[in-house]
Protein backbone atom coordinates (compact mmCIF):
# COMPACT_ATOMS: atom_id res chain seq x y z
CA GLN A 1 -23.22 2.99 21.90
CA ARG A 2 -24.08 6.51 20.71
CA LEU A 3 -23.97 5.37 17.08
CA ASN A 4 -26.18 2.39 17.86
CA ALA A 5 -28.71 4.61 19.62
CA ALA A 6 -28.70 7.12 16.75
CA THR A 7 -29.26 4.49 14.07
CA THR A 8 -31.92 2.49 15.88
CA SER A 9 -33.97 5.58 16.72
CA SER A 10 -33.95 7.08 13.23
CA ALA A 11 -35.06 6.17 9.73
CA LEU A 12 -31.48 5.44 8.65
CA ARG A 13 -31.05 2.05 7.04
CA MET A 14 -28.04 1.13 9.13
CA LEU A 15 -27.15 -1.84 11.32
CA CYS A 16 -24.53 -1.08 13.96
CA ILE A 17 -22.40 -4.13 14.90
CA PRO A 18 -19.60 -4.01 17.50
CA LEU A 19 -16.37 -5.38 16.05
CA ASP A 20 -12.91 -6.03 17.47
CA VAL A 21 -10.61 -6.82 14.55
CA THR A 22 -8.07 -8.45 16.90
CA SER A 23 -10.59 -11.11 17.96
CA ASP A 24 -11.53 -14.15 15.87
CA GLY A 25 -14.68 -14.54 17.97
CA SER A 26 -15.75 -10.95 17.34
CA LEU A 27 -15.27 -11.35 13.57
CA LYS A 28 -17.24 -14.61 13.62
CA SER A 29 -20.09 -12.92 15.47
CA ALA A 30 -20.10 -9.95 13.10
CA ALA A 31 -20.13 -12.24 10.06
CA ALA A 32 -23.10 -14.11 11.54
CA ASN A 33 -24.95 -10.81 11.96
CA VAL A 34 -24.24 -9.91 8.34
CA GLN A 35 -25.39 -13.36 7.22
CA ALA A 36 -28.65 -12.89 9.12
CA TRP A 37 -29.11 -9.47 7.51
CA LEU A 38 -28.53 -10.93 4.04
CA ASN A 39 -31.02 -13.72 4.72
CA ASP A 40 -33.78 -11.42 6.02
CA SER A 41 -36.67 -12.55 3.81
CA LYS A 42 -38.78 -9.52 4.70
CA ALA A 43 -36.30 -7.25 2.95
CA GLY A 44 -36.05 -9.29 -0.23
CA LYS A 45 -32.80 -10.41 -1.84
CA ARG A 46 -29.78 -8.67 -0.35
CA ARG A 47 -26.15 -8.72 -1.44
CA LEU A 48 -23.01 -7.44 0.22
CA LEU A 49 -21.35 -4.89 -2.05
CA SER A 50 -18.35 -3.62 -0.09
CA VAL A 51 -16.10 -4.42 2.83
CA VAL A 52 -14.05 -1.50 4.14
CA CYS A 53 -11.05 -2.29 6.34
CA ASN A 54 -10.44 0.96 8.22
CA ALA A 55 -9.44 0.05 11.81
CA GLY A 56 -6.06 1.52 12.70
CA VAL A 57 -3.77 2.46 15.57
CA GLY A 58 -0.32 4.00 15.69
CA THR A 59 2.52 4.32 18.16
CA GLY A 60 4.72 7.41 17.96
CA GLY A 61 8.38 7.76 18.84
CA PRO A 62 11.81 6.67 17.59
CA ALA A 63 12.02 2.96 16.80
CA ASP A 64 14.71 2.60 19.47
CA TRP A 65 12.19 3.74 22.09
CA LEU A 66 9.40 1.34 21.14
CA GLN A 67 8.79 -1.89 23.00
CA MET A 68 8.00 -5.16 21.22
CA SER A 69 4.47 -4.79 22.59
CA ASP A 70 4.12 -1.53 20.62
CA PHE A 71 5.03 -3.24 17.35
CA GLU A 72 2.75 -6.18 18.17
CA ARG A 73 -0.19 -3.85 18.98
CA ASP A 74 0.11 -1.90 15.73
CA PHE A 75 0.44 -5.05 13.62
CA SER A 76 -2.38 -6.79 15.50
CA VAL A 77 -4.88 -4.08 14.56
CA ASN A 78 -3.54 -2.68 11.30
CA PHE A 79 -2.27 -5.79 9.54
CA PHE A 80 -3.68 -8.94 11.13
CA GLY A 81 -6.97 -7.14 11.76
CA THR A 82 -7.22 -6.41 8.04
CA ILE A 83 -6.54 -10.06 7.19
CA ARG A 84 -9.15 -11.27 9.69
CA THR A 85 -11.75 -8.88 8.31
CA CYS A 86 -11.12 -9.83 4.69
CA LYS A 87 -11.24 -13.55 5.45
CA ALA A 88 -14.46 -13.20 7.47
CA PHE A 89 -16.43 -11.33 4.80
CA LEU A 90 -14.87 -12.52 1.55
CA PRO A 91 -17.36 -15.42 1.19
CA PHE A 92 -20.22 -12.89 1.03
CA LEU A 93 -18.45 -10.89 -1.68
CA LYS A 94 -17.94 -14.09 -3.67
CA GLN A 95 -21.68 -14.75 -3.47
CA THR A 96 -22.33 -11.24 -4.79
CA ALA A 97 -19.82 -11.74 -7.60
CA THR A 98 -21.50 -15.00 -8.60
CA ALA A 99 -24.92 -13.34 -8.62
CA ALA A 100 -23.57 -10.48 -10.76
CA LEU A 101 -21.99 -12.94 -13.21
CA ASN A 102 -25.25 -14.86 -13.53
CA ASN A 103 -27.33 -11.68 -13.89
CA GLU A 104 -29.51 -12.65 -10.95
CA GLY A 105 -32.32 -10.27 -10.04
CA THR A 106 -33.99 -7.46 -11.91
CA VAL A 107 -31.45 -4.79 -10.96
CA ALA A 108 -27.85 -4.81 -12.17
CA ILE A 109 -25.49 -5.73 -9.34
CA PRO A 110 -22.43 -3.45 -9.04
CA PRO A 111 -19.08 -5.26 -8.84
CA PRO A 112 -18.24 -6.28 -5.25
CA ARG A 113 -15.09 -4.84 -3.74
CA LEU A 114 -12.71 -4.74 -0.81
CA VAL A 115 -11.62 -1.26 0.25
CA VAL A 116 -8.44 -1.55 2.32
CA VAL A 117 -7.11 1.52 4.11
CA SER A 118 -3.33 1.69 4.25
CA SER A 119 -1.63 5.09 4.60
CA MET A 120 0.83 7.28 2.78
CA SER A 121 3.13 5.84 5.44
CA GLY A 122 2.53 2.57 3.61
CA LYS A 123 4.25 4.07 0.56
CA LEU A 124 6.76 6.44 2.15
CA PRO A 125 8.21 5.47 5.56
CA VAL A 126 7.79 8.23 8.14
CA PRO A 127 10.34 8.73 10.94
CA LEU A 128 8.93 8.48 14.47
CA LEU A 129 6.22 6.12 13.13
CA ALA A 130 8.25 2.95 12.52
CA SER A 131 5.73 0.41 13.81
CA TYR A 132 2.83 2.17 12.10
CA SER A 133 4.68 2.60 8.79
CA ALA A 134 5.81 -1.03 8.79
CA SER A 135 2.30 -2.29 9.46
CA LYS A 136 0.84 -0.10 6.71
CA HIS A 137 3.45 -1.30 4.22
CA ALA A 138 2.36 -4.84 5.09
CA VAL A 139 -1.28 -3.88 4.55
CA ALA A 140 -0.49 -2.41 1.12
CA ALA A 141 1.41 -5.53 0.06
CA TYR A 142 -1.40 -7.80 1.26
CA ALA A 143 -4.00 -5.76 -0.62
CA SER A 144 -1.92 -5.89 -3.80
CA CYS A 145 -1.71 -9.68 -3.58
CA LEU A 146 -5.47 -9.92 -2.98
CA ARG A 147 -6.12 -7.66 -5.98
CA MET A 148 -4.34 -10.07 -8.32
CA GLU A 149 -5.80 -13.21 -6.73
CA LEU A 150 -9.43 -12.08 -6.52
CA ALA A 151 -9.70 -10.61 -10.02
CA VAL A 152 -10.67 -14.04 -11.34
CA PHE A 153 -13.73 -13.96 -9.03
CA GLY A 154 -14.80 -10.52 -10.25
CA ILE A 155 -13.92 -8.88 -6.93
CA SER A 156 -11.90 -5.66 -6.98
CA VAL A 157 -9.51 -4.51 -4.28
CA THR A 158 -8.82 -0.83 -3.69
CA THR A 159 -5.96 0.31 -1.47
CA VAL A 160 -6.56 3.73 0.07
CA PHE A 161 -3.52 5.84 0.95
CA PRO A 162 -4.59 8.80 3.12
CA SER A 163 -1.99 11.37 4.07
CA PHE A 164 -2.02 13.01 7.51
CA HIS A 165 -5.57 13.87 8.57
CA LEU A 166 -7.03 15.10 11.85
CA THR A 167 -8.28 11.81 13.25
CA PRO A 168 -8.02 10.48 16.83
CA LEU A 169 -5.01 8.45 15.69
CA LEU A 170 -3.15 11.67 14.88
CA THR A 171 -4.39 13.79 17.77
CA ALA A 172 -3.21 11.08 20.20
CA CYS A 173 0.33 11.23 18.83
CA SER A 174 1.80 13.57 21.48
CA PRO A 175 0.34 11.65 24.44
CA GLU A 176 1.65 8.45 22.83
CA VAL A 177 5.17 9.91 22.73
CA GLU A 178 4.90 10.72 26.43
CA ARG A 179 3.74 7.17 27.18
CA VAL A 180 6.58 5.65 25.16
CA TRP A 181 9.12 7.94 26.84
CA GLY A 182 7.75 7.01 30.25
CA ASN A 183 8.23 3.31 29.53
CA LEU A 184 11.94 3.73 28.77
CA SER A 185 14.61 2.67 31.21
CA ASP A 186 16.52 5.35 33.09
CA GLU A 187 19.59 4.49 31.02
CA LYS A 188 17.74 4.94 27.73
CA ARG A 189 16.25 8.29 28.80
CA ALA A 190 19.71 9.47 29.87
CA GLU A 191 21.13 8.40 26.51
CA TYR A 192 18.67 10.58 24.56
CA GLY A 193 18.01 13.34 27.07
CA THR A 194 14.92 15.37 27.85
CA ALA A 195 15.66 17.85 25.06
CA CYS A 196 15.30 15.03 22.51
CA MET A 197 11.93 14.02 23.97
CA VAL A 198 10.71 17.62 23.74
CA SER A 199 11.88 17.79 20.12
CA VAL A 200 10.06 14.55 19.27
CA LYS A 201 6.87 15.88 20.89
CA LYS A 202 7.19 19.09 18.88
CA ALA A 203 7.50 17.09 15.66
CA ALA A 204 4.41 15.06 16.64
CA ALA A 205 2.48 18.28 17.26
CA GLN A 206 3.42 19.51 13.76
CA PHE A 207 1.60 16.51 12.30
CA MET A 208 -1.61 18.03 13.67
CA THR A 209 -0.97 21.71 13.05
CA ASP A 210 1.11 22.04 9.88
CA TRP A 211 0.45 18.94 7.80
CA ALA A 212 -2.99 17.57 8.65
CA TRP A 213 -6.03 17.70 6.38
CA ASP A 214 -9.71 17.67 7.31
CA ALA A 215 -10.65 14.04 8.00
CA GLN A 216 -13.94 14.49 6.14
CA ARG A 217 -11.93 14.11 2.93
CA VAL A 218 -11.13 10.52 3.87
CA THR A 219 -14.73 9.77 4.83
CA ASP A 220 -15.99 11.10 1.50
CA ALA A 221 -13.41 9.07 -0.43
CA LEU A 222 -14.30 5.86 1.42
CA VAL A 223 -18.03 6.37 0.85
CA GLN A 224 -17.42 6.92 -2.86
CA ALA A 225 -15.16 3.87 -3.15
CA ALA A 226 -17.58 1.65 -1.24
CA SER A 227 -20.79 2.70 -2.98
CA SER A 228 -19.92 3.60 -6.58
CA ALA A 229 -21.70 1.76 -9.38
CA ALA A 230 -18.37 0.97 -11.03
CA SER A 231 -15.30 -0.56 -9.43
CA PRO A 232 -13.11 2.08 -7.77
CA PRO A 233 -9.46 2.46 -8.84
CA SER A 234 -6.89 -0.03 -7.58
CA GLU A 235 -5.16 2.70 -5.57
CA LEU A 236 -6.65 5.86 -4.13
CA ILE A 237 -4.55 8.67 -2.63
CA VAL A 238 -6.40 11.08 -0.34
CA GLY A 239 -4.71 14.38 0.51
CA ALA A 240 -1.06 15.14 -0.12
CA ASP A 241 1.95 15.95 2.05
């Protein structure tokens, strides 16, 4: 709501659209809004250049502590949400690719692209992030398949692998561990002990204090990948651990 108010009351050329990547209806509505924006005759001929898949959640804690609902939540947003988003907006990118191939318009059309955010956890599994790491590996594999399949259309696919950065996903890690611990049975908590829970929380806190980068680095990389005149690289690593 704050973003919508800021963009509608300023000179920024931005359209703010609510989007729930776990909802087919929400994606359909968002795609209809984009279609209306592309068809706005007052603005002249518009093309969609980039689709950035950046929605993500993560559940912290040992895999043995996580419920099936935790795995389903992370995959619903991170993996299936990415698939829904790509499928909803890919037709617009194909239209752009066709226009670029046919040299339509007076201005050269940059190559259309999908920018899919995975994670370094999608390359290197991270303990205490089993559901998140698994979902991000799935995202990376899906993006790699798309890259090979969409090349024939002139659409590039870039997989972004950020390392640990100070985002809400990371800062919520310690509270998530507490939630996961609280959902365990008495028997499971007795098996691991309170000292183990404290140690896991300490490790989660280190993600934020010892290993995390400024999140602006990711924002800058995504903007560059989404708006560059040339196709961005097939893989983009942001930060290092």
